[in-house]
Each structure stands twice: as structure tokens, then as C-alpha cells.
Protein backbone atom coordinates (compact mmCIF):
# COMPACT_ATOMS: atom_id res chain seq x y z
CA MET A 1 -0.15 0.06 -0.21
CA ASN A 2 1.35 3.61 -0.82
CA THR A 3 0.04 7.17 -0.92
CA TYR A 4 0.39 7.86 -4.46
CA ASP A 5 -1.92 4.59 -5.43
CA LEU A 6 -4.27 5.69 -3.19
CA ILE A 7 -4.32 9.22 -3.81
CA MET A 8 -5.01 7.85 -7.72
CA LYS A 9 -7.55 5.66 -7.30
CA LYS A 10 -9.94 8.27 -5.14
CA ARG A 11 -9.04 10.86 -7.79
CA ASN A 12 -10.20 8.17 -10.50
CA GLY A 13 -13.66 7.50 -8.40
CA GLY A 14 -12.40 4.68 -6.74
CA ILE A 15 -13.71 3.48 -3.40
CA LEU A 16 -11.45 3.37 -0.54
CA ASP A 17 -11.82 0.68 2.34
CA LYS A 18 -11.16 0.83 5.67
CA ASP A 19 -7.59 -0.02 5.83
CA GLU A 20 -6.81 2.26 3.37
CA ILE A 21 -8.18 5.24 4.81
CA THR A 22 -6.82 4.64 7.82
CA TYR A 23 -3.26 4.27 6.10
CA ILE A 24 -3.60 7.75 4.92
CA VAL A 25 -4.59 9.33 8.25
CA ASP A 26 -2.35 7.28 10.34
CA GLY A 27 0.58 7.89 7.79
CA PHE A 28 -0.41 12.00 7.57
CA THR A 29 -0.90 12.08 11.47
CA LYS A 30 2.70 10.57 12.21
CA GLY A 31 4.56 13.09 9.90
CA GLU A 32 5.28 9.75 7.22
CA ILE A 33 3.19 11.69 4.76
CA PRO A 34 3.82 15.20 3.75
CA ASP A 35 1.63 17.70 3.15
CA TYR A 36 1.74 18.00 -0.28
CA GLN A 37 0.35 14.60 -1.01
CA MET A 38 -2.32 14.95 1.85
CA ALA A 39 -3.35 18.36 -0.14
CA ALA A 40 -3.82 16.13 -2.91
CA PHE A 41 -5.86 13.30 -1.30
CA LEU A 42 -7.79 15.98 0.18
CA MET A 43 -8.47 17.84 -3.25
CA ALA A 44 -9.32 14.24 -4.83
CA VAL A 45 -11.71 13.94 -1.88
CA TYR A 46 -13.48 17.12 -2.73
CA PHE A 47 -14.18 16.69 -6.27
CA ARG A 48 -14.99 12.88 -6.08
CA GLY A 49 -16.66 12.97 -2.65
CA MET A 50 -17.22 9.49 -0.28
CA ASN A 51 -20.05 6.85 0.28
CA ASP A 52 -21.12 6.74 3.88
CA GLU A 53 -18.79 3.90 4.72
CA GLU A 54 -15.59 5.62 3.48
CA THR A 55 -17.15 9.08 5.07
CA THR A 56 -17.69 6.85 8.51
CA ASN A 57 -14.28 5.11 8.57
CA LEU A 58 -12.60 8.64 8.08
CA THR A 59 -13.97 9.63 10.98
CA MET A 60 -13.31 6.71 13.38
CA ALA A 61 -9.90 7.04 12.00
CA MET A 62 -9.83 10.66 12.78
CA ALA A 63 -10.99 9.50 16.47
CA ASP A 64 -8.59 6.40 16.99
CA SER A 65 -5.72 8.85 15.89
CA GLY A 66 -5.80 10.14 19.94
CA ASP A 67 -7.19 9.62 23.19
CA ARG A 68 -10.86 8.83 23.49
CA LEU A 69 -12.25 10.10 27.03
CA ASP A 70 -13.96 7.12 29.03
CA LEU A 71 -17.21 8.00 30.71
CA SER A 72 -18.10 4.60 31.91
CA LEU A 73 -17.49 5.76 35.62
CA ILE A 74 -20.02 8.67 35.23
CA ASN A 75 -23.70 7.43 36.08
CA GLY A 76 -26.67 7.69 33.40
CA ARG A 77 -26.92 8.19 30.07
CA LYS A 78 -24.24 10.94 28.74
CA VAL A 79 -25.40 12.83 26.13
CA ASP A 80 -23.09 15.32 24.42
CA LYS A 81 -24.36 18.32 22.10
CA HIS A 82 -22.68 19.91 19.19
CA SER A 83 -23.60 23.35 17.20
CA THR A 84 -22.18 23.75 13.83
CA GLY A 85 -21.91 27.38 14.98
CA GLY A 86 -22.93 30.86 14.54
CA VAL A 87 -23.49 34.29 15.45
CA GLY A 88 -24.93 34.76 19.07
CA ASP A 89 -25.24 30.62 19.38
CA LYS A 90 -24.80 30.51 23.37
CA THR A 91 -26.96 27.23 23.90
CA SER A 92 -24.33 24.95 25.52
CA LEU A 93 -23.99 27.86 28.03
CA ILE A 94 -28.33 27.53 28.66
CA VAL A 95 -29.24 23.50 27.89
CA GLY A 96 -26.04 22.55 29.61
CA PRO A 97 -27.56 23.73 33.11
CA ILE A 98 -31.47 22.39 31.97
CA LEU A 99 -30.15 18.99 31.47
CA ALA A 100 -28.07 18.85 34.42
CA SER A 101 -31.02 19.94 36.58
CA LEU A 102 -33.40 17.13 35.33
CA GLY A 103 -30.63 14.74 35.73
CA VAL A 104 -29.28 13.99 32.69
CA PRO A 105 -25.11 14.01 32.97
CA VAL A 106 -23.62 16.30 30.46
CA ALA A 107 -19.95 15.87 30.53
CA LYS A 108 -18.59 18.48 27.25
CA MET A 109 -15.64 18.80 25.89
CA SER A 110 -15.89 22.72 23.97
CA GLY A 111 -13.19 24.24 21.72
CA ARG A 112 -12.40 27.82 21.37
CA GLY A 113 -13.92 30.36 19.06
CA LEU A 114 -11.98 31.21 15.59
CA GLY A 115 -13.76 33.95 14.03
CA HIS A 116 -16.41 36.52 14.43
CA THR A 117 -16.86 35.76 18.23
CA GLY A 118 -15.15 33.13 21.11
CA GLY A 119 -16.19 29.73 21.40
CA THR A 120 -18.03 28.49 24.60
CA ILE A 121 -14.93 28.15 26.47
CA ASP A 122 -13.97 31.77 25.92
CA LYS A 123 -17.11 32.75 26.95
CA LEU A 124 -16.78 30.56 30.19
CA GLU A 125 -13.37 31.99 30.88
CA GLY A 126 -15.09 35.59 31.42
CA ILE A 127 -16.57 34.74 34.35
CA PRO A 128 -13.91 35.18 36.98
CA GLY A 129 -11.60 32.04 38.38
CA PHE A 130 -13.62 30.00 35.92
CA LEU A 131 -11.23 26.97 35.22
CA THR A 132 -11.60 25.51 31.86
CA SER A 133 -8.66 22.87 32.14
CA ILE A 134 -9.18 20.19 35.17
CA SER A 135 -7.99 16.45 35.52
CA GLU A 136 -9.52 13.60 33.56
CA GLU A 137 -10.46 12.59 37.23
CA ALA A 138 -11.80 15.69 38.65
CA PHE A 139 -14.46 16.09 35.18
CA ILE A 140 -15.81 12.61 35.83
CA LYS A 141 -16.22 13.43 39.54
CA GLN A 142 -17.55 16.74 38.76
CA VAL A 143 -20.51 15.30 36.38
CA ASN A 144 -21.50 12.83 39.41
CA ASP A 145 -21.60 15.10 41.51
CA VAL A 146 -23.05 18.52 39.64
CA GLY A 147 -24.48 16.99 36.74
CA LEU A 148 -22.31 19.36 34.36
CA ALA A 149 -18.74 20.18 33.47
CA ILE A 150 -17.64 22.19 30.24
CA VAL A 151 -14.02 21.94 29.66
CA GLY A 152 -11.48 22.30 26.92
CA GLN A 153 -10.76 20.10 24.11
CA THR A 154 -7.29 18.06 25.49
CA ALA A 155 -4.61 18.09 23.04
CA ASN A 156 -4.57 14.88 21.91
CA LEU A 157 -8.38 14.22 21.35
CA ALA A 158 -8.48 13.58 17.72
CA PRO A 159 -5.04 14.55 16.63
CA ALA A 160 -5.88 14.00 13.04
CA ASP A 161 -8.48 16.10 12.60
CA LYS A 162 -6.57 19.19 13.82
CA LYS A 163 -3.88 18.72 11.62
CA ILE A 164 -6.03 17.63 8.32
CA TYR A 165 -8.24 20.66 9.41
CA ALA A 166 -5.04 23.11 9.15
CA LEU A 167 -4.22 21.83 5.48
CA ARG A 168 -8.04 21.81 4.37
CA ASP A 169 -7.96 25.56 5.50
CA VAL A 170 -5.12 26.96 3.04
CA THR A 171 -6.13 23.84 0.53
CA ALA A 172 -9.68 25.19 -0.40
CA THR A 173 -11.00 21.75 0.62
CA VAL A 174 -12.63 23.18 3.35
CA ASP A 175 -16.52 22.90 2.07
CA ASN A 176 -17.20 19.29 1.68
CA ILE A 177 -19.86 17.56 3.27
CA SER A 178 -17.79 14.23 3.62
CA LEU A 179 -14.65 16.15 5.53
CA ILE A 180 -17.08 18.54 7.21
CA ALA A 181 -19.00 15.22 8.90
CA ALA A 182 -15.93 13.23 9.69
CA SER A 183 -14.10 16.65 11.42
CA ILE A 184 -17.15 17.20 13.79
CA MET A 185 -18.16 13.45 14.67
CA SER A 186 -14.53 12.29 14.89
CA LYS A 187 -14.10 14.47 17.69
CA LYS A 188 -17.45 13.91 19.32
CA LEU A 189 -17.27 9.89 18.96
CA ALA A 190 -13.78 10.77 20.73
CA ALA A 191 -15.43 12.25 23.64
CA GLY A 192 -17.28 9.60 24.68
CA ALA A 193 -21.25 10.14 25.21
CA ASP A 194 -23.73 7.73 24.41
CA ALA A 195 -25.60 9.83 22.73
CA ILE A 196 -25.78 12.97 20.42
CA VAL A 197 -27.78 15.72 19.49
CA LEU A 198 -26.86 18.18 16.45
CA ASP A 199 -27.53 21.86 16.18
CA VAL A 200 -26.97 22.10 12.28
CA LYS A 201 -27.11 26.01 11.50
CA THR A 202 -28.63 27.25 8.19
CA GLY A 203 -28.44 30.69 6.64
CA THR A 204 -26.10 33.51 5.94
CA GLY A 205 -24.65 33.35 9.38
CA ALA A 206 -24.08 29.67 9.46
CA PHE A 207 -21.08 27.08 7.60
CA MET A 208 -23.91 25.98 5.54
CA LYS A 209 -25.64 28.74 3.87
CA THR A 210 -28.95 26.98 1.94
CA LEU A 211 -31.20 24.21 3.88
CA GLU A 212 -30.75 21.85 1.21
CA ASP A 213 -26.50 21.92 2.25
CA SER A 214 -27.37 22.04 5.86
CA LYS A 215 -29.58 18.87 5.42
CA LYS A 216 -27.08 16.99 3.25
CA LEU A 217 -24.80 17.35 6.68
CA ALA A 218 -27.09 16.58 9.27
CA ASP A 219 -28.18 13.33 7.36
CA ALA A 220 -24.19 12.38 6.88
CA MET A 221 -23.23 13.11 10.74
CA CYS A 222 -26.47 11.37 11.85
CA ARG A 223 -25.65 8.41 9.84
CA ILE A 224 -22.12 8.45 11.20
CA GLY A 225 -23.05 8.71 14.87
CA ASN A 226 -25.61 5.56 14.57
CA MET A 227 -23.47 3.59 12.53
CA ALA A 228 -20.76 3.85 15.43
CA GLY A 229 -23.17 2.98 17.62
CA ARG A 230 -24.36 6.20 19.28
CA GLU A 231 -27.85 7.15 18.75
CA THR A 232 -27.52 10.73 16.76
CA VAL A 233 -30.33 13.05 15.55
CA ALA A 234 -29.99 16.54 14.16
CA VAL A 235 -32.19 19.70 14.36
CA ILE A 236 -31.67 22.40 11.56
CA THR A 237 -32.33 26.00 13.30
CA ASP A 238 -31.95 29.17 11.10
CA MET A 239 -28.90 31.27 11.61
CA ASN A 240 -30.20 34.37 8.89
CA GLU A 241 -30.05 36.71 11.89
CA PRO A 242 -27.96 36.62 15.55
CA LEU A 243 -29.41 34.00 17.61
CA GLY A 244 -30.86 35.75 20.88
CA ASN A 245 -30.07 39.51 21.44
CA CYS A 246 -26.20 39.61 22.26
CA VAL A 247 -23.38 38.98 20.19
CA GLY A 248 -19.80 38.54 22.35
CA ASN A 249 -18.66 37.14 24.96
CA THR A 250 -19.37 37.82 28.77
CA LEU A 251 -22.81 39.48 27.18
CA GLU A 252 -23.28 36.19 25.67
CA VAL A 253 -22.73 34.80 28.96
CA ILE A 254 -25.29 37.32 30.64
CA GLU A 255 -27.85 36.56 28.33
CA ALA A 256 -27.31 32.97 29.23
CA VAL A 257 -28.09 34.29 32.64
CA GLU A 258 -31.41 35.66 31.77
CA CYS A 259 -32.69 33.00 29.57
CA LEU A 260 -32.25 30.76 32.67
CA LYS A 261 -33.82 33.04 35.34
CA GLY A 262 -37.34 32.86 32.63
CA ASN A 263 -36.32 36.11 30.71
CA GLY A 264 -35.05 34.67 27.21
CA GLU A 265 -35.04 36.60 23.86
CA ALA A 266 -38.10 34.04 22.04
CA ARG A 267 -35.74 32.59 19.25
CA LEU A 268 -32.95 31.89 21.30
CA MET A 269 -35.45 30.12 23.82
CA GLU A 270 -37.42 28.31 21.23
CA VAL A 271 -33.92 26.61 19.93
CA CYS A 272 -33.00 25.49 23.44
CA ARG A 273 -36.36 24.21 23.88
CA GLU A 274 -35.95 22.03 21.23
CA LEU A 275 -32.70 21.16 21.93
CA ALA A 276 -32.73 20.08 25.51
CA ALA A 277 -36.36 18.37 24.42
CA ASN A 278 -34.63 16.27 22.13
CA MET A 279 -31.78 15.66 24.55
CA LEU A 280 -34.09 14.65 27.10
CA VAL A 281 -35.56 12.09 24.68
CA VAL A 282 -32.39 10.57 24.03
CA SER A 283 -31.00 10.37 27.41
CA GLY A 284 -34.31 8.32 28.67
CA LYS A 285 -35.69 11.07 30.95
CA ALA A 286 -38.68 11.75 28.47
CA ASP A 287 -40.87 9.32 26.67
CA SER A 288 -41.23 12.05 24.10
CA LYS A 289 -40.45 15.75 23.43
CA ASP A 290 -44.24 16.48 24.05
CA LYS A 291 -43.73 15.37 27.35
CA ALA A 292 -39.69 16.91 27.84
CA TYR A 293 -40.97 20.36 27.02
CA PRO A 294 -42.68 21.00 30.53
CA MET A 295 -39.99 19.50 32.02
CA ILE A 296 -37.66 22.02 30.65
CA ASP A 297 -40.31 25.16 31.66
CA ASP A 298 -40.46 23.79 35.28
CA THR A 299 -36.90 23.48 35.83
CA ILE A 300 -36.32 26.91 34.70
CA ASN A 301 -39.63 28.96 36.42
CA SER A 302 -38.74 26.93 39.43
CA GLY A 303 -34.91 28.03 39.52
CA LYS A 304 -33.69 24.76 39.42
CA ALA A 305 -31.41 25.47 35.80
CA PHE A 306 -30.20 28.79 37.53
CA ASP A 307 -29.02 27.28 40.61
CA LYS A 308 -28.08 24.77 38.71
CA MET A 309 -25.67 27.20 36.32
CA LYS A 310 -24.05 28.48 39.57
CA GLU A 311 -23.43 25.30 41.41
CA PHE A 312 -21.62 24.42 37.68
CA VAL A 313 -19.56 27.63 37.86
CA ALA A 314 -18.64 27.23 41.61
CA ALA A 315 -17.61 23.85 40.84
CA GLN A 316 -15.28 24.68 38.11
CA GLY A 317 -13.85 27.69 40.59
CA GLY A 318 -15.88 30.50 39.23
CA ASP A 319 -17.13 33.73 40.66
CA VAL A 320 -20.61 32.93 41.16
CA SER A 321 -21.83 36.54 42.33
CA TYR A 322 -21.03 37.77 38.62
CA LEU A 323 -24.11 35.61 38.08
CA ASP A 324 -26.32 36.94 40.66
CA ASN A 325 -25.18 40.12 39.51
CA THR A 326 -24.38 40.31 36.12
CA ASP A 327 -23.24 44.48 36.68
CA LEU A 328 -19.94 43.19 38.16
CA PHE A 329 -18.86 41.96 34.56
CA GLU A 330 -15.94 44.10 32.92
CA LYS A 331 -17.60 47.33 31.02
CA THR A 332 -15.98 48.96 27.71
CA LYS A 333 -14.84 52.32 27.40
CA TYR A 334 -17.44 53.23 24.81
CA GLU A 335 -20.54 52.83 23.57
CA LYS A 336 -22.35 53.48 20.65
CA ILE A 337 -26.24 53.13 19.94
CA ILE A 338 -27.17 52.24 16.23
CA THR A 339 -30.72 53.74 15.42
CA GLY A 340 -33.40 53.44 12.75
CA LYS A 341 -32.18 56.09 11.25
CA ASP A 342 -28.93 55.27 10.76
CA ILE A 343 -29.73 51.64 8.87
CA ILE A 344 -32.68 53.60 6.77
CA LYS A 345 -29.82 55.62 5.28
CA ALA A 346 -27.76 52.99 4.55
CA ASN A 347 -30.17 51.46 2.74
CA ASP A 348 -30.70 54.81 1.04
CA ILE A 349 -34.45 54.65 0.91
CA ASP A 350 -36.59 58.18 2.26
CA VAL A 351 -38.87 56.76 5.06
CA ASN A 352 -39.46 57.47 8.41
CA GLU A 353 -40.17 53.91 9.41
CA ALA A 354 -39.32 50.71 7.88
CA TYR A 355 -39.39 46.88 8.77
CA LEU A 356 -36.01 44.98 8.95
CA ASN A 357 -36.33 42.46 6.22
CA GLU A 358 -33.04 40.36 5.36
CA CYS A 359 -29.84 40.23 7.24
CA ASP A 360 -26.45 39.26 6.24
CA ASN A 361 -26.00 37.32 9.29
CA GLN A 362 -21.85 37.05 8.47
CA GLU A 363 -21.65 40.91 8.49
CA ILE A 364 -22.88 41.31 12.04
CA GLY A 365 -20.55 38.17 12.93
CA MET A 366 -17.67 40.75 11.36
CA ALA A 367 -18.51 43.56 13.04
CA SER A 368 -18.14 41.52 16.37
CA LEU A 369 -14.84 40.18 15.30
CA LEU A 370 -13.62 44.25 14.27
CA LEU A 371 -14.63 44.99 17.71
CA GLY A 372 -12.79 42.55 18.83
CA GLY A 373 -14.73 39.83 19.99
CA GLY A 374 -13.34 36.89 17.90
CA ARG A 375 -9.82 35.89 16.27
CA ARG A 376 -8.21 36.19 13.23
CA THR A 377 -5.66 33.44 14.26
CA LYS A 378 -5.96 30.58 16.76
CA ASP A 379 -2.99 33.02 18.39
CA GLU A 380 -5.39 36.18 18.76
CA ILE A 381 -6.40 37.74 22.31
CA ILE A 382 -10.13 38.19 22.52
CA ASP A 383 -11.67 41.24 24.08
CA LEU A 384 -14.20 39.32 26.10
CA SER A 385 -15.85 42.77 27.34
CA VAL A 386 -16.53 44.05 23.66
CA GLY A 387 -20.04 42.92 21.71
CA ILE A 388 -23.28 44.00 20.21
CA ARG A 389 -26.76 44.39 21.71
CA LEU A 390 -29.78 44.33 19.68
CA PHE A 391 -33.08 45.32 20.46
CA LYS A 392 -34.71 44.35 16.90
CA HIS A 393 -34.66 41.46 14.75
CA LEU A 394 -36.27 40.29 11.41
CA GLY A 395 -39.64 41.65 10.59
CA ASP A 396 -39.52 44.30 13.34
CA ARG A 397 -40.40 47.68 12.42
CA ILE A 398 -37.74 50.36 13.07
CA GLU A 399 -38.18 54.23 13.53
CA LYS A 400 -35.87 57.02 12.68
CA ASP A 401 -35.36 57.93 16.66
CA GLU A 402 -35.33 54.71 18.09
CA ALA A 403 -32.52 52.19 19.27
CA VAL A 404 -32.19 49.05 16.95
CA ALA A 405 -28.54 48.16 18.78
CA ILE A 406 -25.86 49.14 20.83
CA LEU A 407 -21.87 48.70 20.15
CA TYR A 408 -19.35 47.77 23.01
CA ALA A 409 -16.24 49.14 22.48
CA ASN A 410 -12.35 49.82 23.99
CA ASP A 411 -11.23 51.17 20.74
CA GLU A 412 -13.13 54.25 19.17
CA ASN A 413 -11.22 53.39 15.89
CA LYS A 414 -12.56 49.65 15.79
CA MET A 415 -15.86 51.18 16.86
CA SER A 416 -16.47 52.96 13.53
CA GLU A 417 -15.40 50.22 11.20
CA ALA A 418 -17.52 47.89 13.27
CA PHE A 419 -20.48 50.50 12.92
CA ASN A 420 -20.16 50.68 9.23
CA ARG A 421 -20.10 47.20 8.73
CA PHE A 422 -23.03 46.75 11.17
CA ILE A 423 -25.53 49.13 9.38
CA LYS A 424 -24.97 47.61 5.83
CA ALA A 425 -25.91 44.14 6.89
CA TYR A 426 -29.60 45.00 6.81
CA LYS A 427 -32.01 45.39 3.99
CA VAL A 428 -35.43 47.27 5.11
CA THR A 429 -38.73 47.63 3.31
CA LYS A 430 -41.40 49.58 3.46
CA ASP A 431 -43.95 46.65 4.19
CA LYS A 432 -43.63 44.12 6.71
CA ALA A 433 -41.94 40.77 5.31
CA ALA A 434 -42.56 36.94 6.37
CA GLY A 435 -39.83 35.93 9.41
CA ASN A 436 -37.87 33.05 8.76
CA PRO A 437 -38.91 29.86 10.97
CA VAL A 438 -36.88 29.01 13.75
CA ILE A 439 -36.78 25.27 13.48
CA TYR A 440 -36.41 23.84 10.30
CA LYS A 441 -36.54 20.12 10.66
CA SER A 442 -35.18 17.40 12.28
CA VAL A 443 -33.08 14.76 11.26
């Protein structure tokens, strides 16, 4: 077996078996296959594709390339959740405490963000004292004692994925369903959960821009998970505008607190309830989603979900006084209100009021990145305090003199750049247009 022959086989449309895929993955991970050959192989996959069995074998080879987390010492059926990412997506901070308060153990490894905002780990580090790295023994004990632990991904969890993704990123081979699915699912399988619920985003702020592509990705990941013996379901949710009212790291922690206190924005809570309901069903705690929804509402309304969040944060060293009084979080030096006049003027129409009709959500994310809320490179330092607070969503009427959003910044030049990006992200119309659904379908 040699790399040249395998590249040519895939280039010519051949089907690779398990041993051939493992040979490629192991050889590249160990440094025995050079970047230029792996790049050629990835390009062949990009153009020729992979069938279900090949995609599953690629996923398993990547998952087996490093450590696998053994969660067998954790009591109960462990359920993991993964989102394909988007603007203002803080669902893990909300869903985790909800599930733990209802007796479902959540043992979650999360990454840092690379893009417009930080990841779940970055957001949690905005809470003073919070430890995102603890020993495996402490991790397992905390899940048994508290029901929830969220830590950073270990360096040796699916190392093949890190190395392959870095090469995909610079060879224009990111946008392939099999490669995306294998990347996501290799980490989920290595993390050791019994069942997996996937939140696949679709729209202008998502990786998959169309509903058709989002469904293909959801189908592929569910097939991989189920073929690997993990019950896997996916929910396709909207990302044509930010999820919730806040974009930015500590701002999203504050919003998660409000959600767990029963004051969540409607679209955000609809997504969280749907994800939590699916997790309750696959965990065996609820017979159906219809029975799960009241359980979710009760744990929020009773205060148990918020209490669980505080217990979880305290267990990982975080200062819970910041959750009880979110005014303690660090404030930015500058704030700028964006009015309806700013948005209407950017659309070059002569009206005193209009309706928000469309949003290029990727541009909202870029505004957050310009403020300093995200990373352009993996080593860039995030400003956890900056971000955007929204007062209006698609379908809402805006008047010239009312606030649409506030930008928070520590640099006036960055504020100006972000302002210009934000106001051009929305299209307005004189008449109200139909909004997007929040939940498109379950797979």
C-alpha cells in the first residue's frame, strides 16, 4: 500500500476501504505522509466525494488517532450536544444547566472560537476564576456530583482532525460534506458520550448557507453517529440573523443567565427548548418531546436551572457573584447606539420608518470580530467585554429615532469600522415581510 496509489484511486473515482483510509490518516498524523500528498488526497475527495462507508471509516480513523475519553464511570446515559456554529450562539450555556437540573449528566468538551466570536470555553473564561482545564478524574467526579462539566478539548483528542483541518483551511477543501462531517463527528465520538444531539445551522451566518446543504450535512453526521453505535439526532435551526439579543463573550454569558431566569429572547429559547427536549428523549428521561417541554419550562420557572448553572460554575472555580449580579462584569470604554435612522440611511430610502427584512448575518459576525470579540488567527487574544446588543429582529418595525442596537468597544477606531459594517448588514422595506422559521426540521 502506498500513498500515490491511494491518491490516484480516489482521483479516478474509486472507493477506498477501511484499511486504506486508516493508512492515509495515520500516516499523515505521524508525519510519514507529507503535506503535499495529503493536500492532493483532500482535493481528490473534494471533487470525487466519499460514500457513507468511506465517510464513517474516515471519521473513525480520525477519532482513533489520539485519546478517547472513557466516561463509563459517570452514572447515567451521557448526552453530548454540538452546534455547527453561528452568530450569538450560546445554547450550550443554557441547555447544559437545564439538562443537569433534570438529572441528565452532561460531560462536554468544547473548543475555542476561531472567527467572529469566541467559543463556549472563551465565554466561560469571562467569569473570573473559571477553570477550563481540569484533570480527567476531577471532570468525571464533577459530572457525577453536579451533573455538568464543560472543559477545553484536550490536545490529544482527535489530533488527526486538527492537522487535517489546518491543511484543508489553506487548500480550499473545507467545503465538502464528508470532510466536514468527519471533522465534527470524530471529536464527538472521541469525547465518549452515549448519544449526540446536533444543532445544524443554516443561513447567512452559518457555515452551510442553504437548507439543502444543511440537511445533507445533518444526514451525513447522523448516519456516522448511528453507524458508530451512538444514537444521534440533528435539528436544523435558523442562522439568518443573530441568535438571541447579544453577540460577544461576556455579553452572551449575561444573556444565558437571563434565559435561565426565565427572561430569554423568544427565538433563542425556542432553539434551546428544542435541543434540550431532544436530549431528554435520547437520554431516556422523557418518552417524547411533548413530555419533555413541560419539564424544561418547570426547571427554568422554578429557578432550578439557574441554581444548577451557579453550582456548575462554582465547581470549576468561577465567581458566582457575577451570575447573581451581572453588572459586575467588566464594562467597555465606549458605547455607540445604532438608530433606525442609521439603518434606513444605509439602505438609501426616504422613509421615517421601515421593517427589517433581511440580514447578512456574516456581516454582523464581522462587526463583532472588528470590535475585538473574535480571532483571525488561533493565537489572537479576544477582548471578552466587547460586542453587540440587539433590540430589533427580522420582521420588526424600526423608526428613525429608536435604538436598533448598541456596540460596545474599547477602541474608537474599531467602533467606527464595526458601525459601518453593521448598518450595511440589514435590508429594510416599507412593508413587513415574513420572517424565517426558527426550527426547520429534525433529522
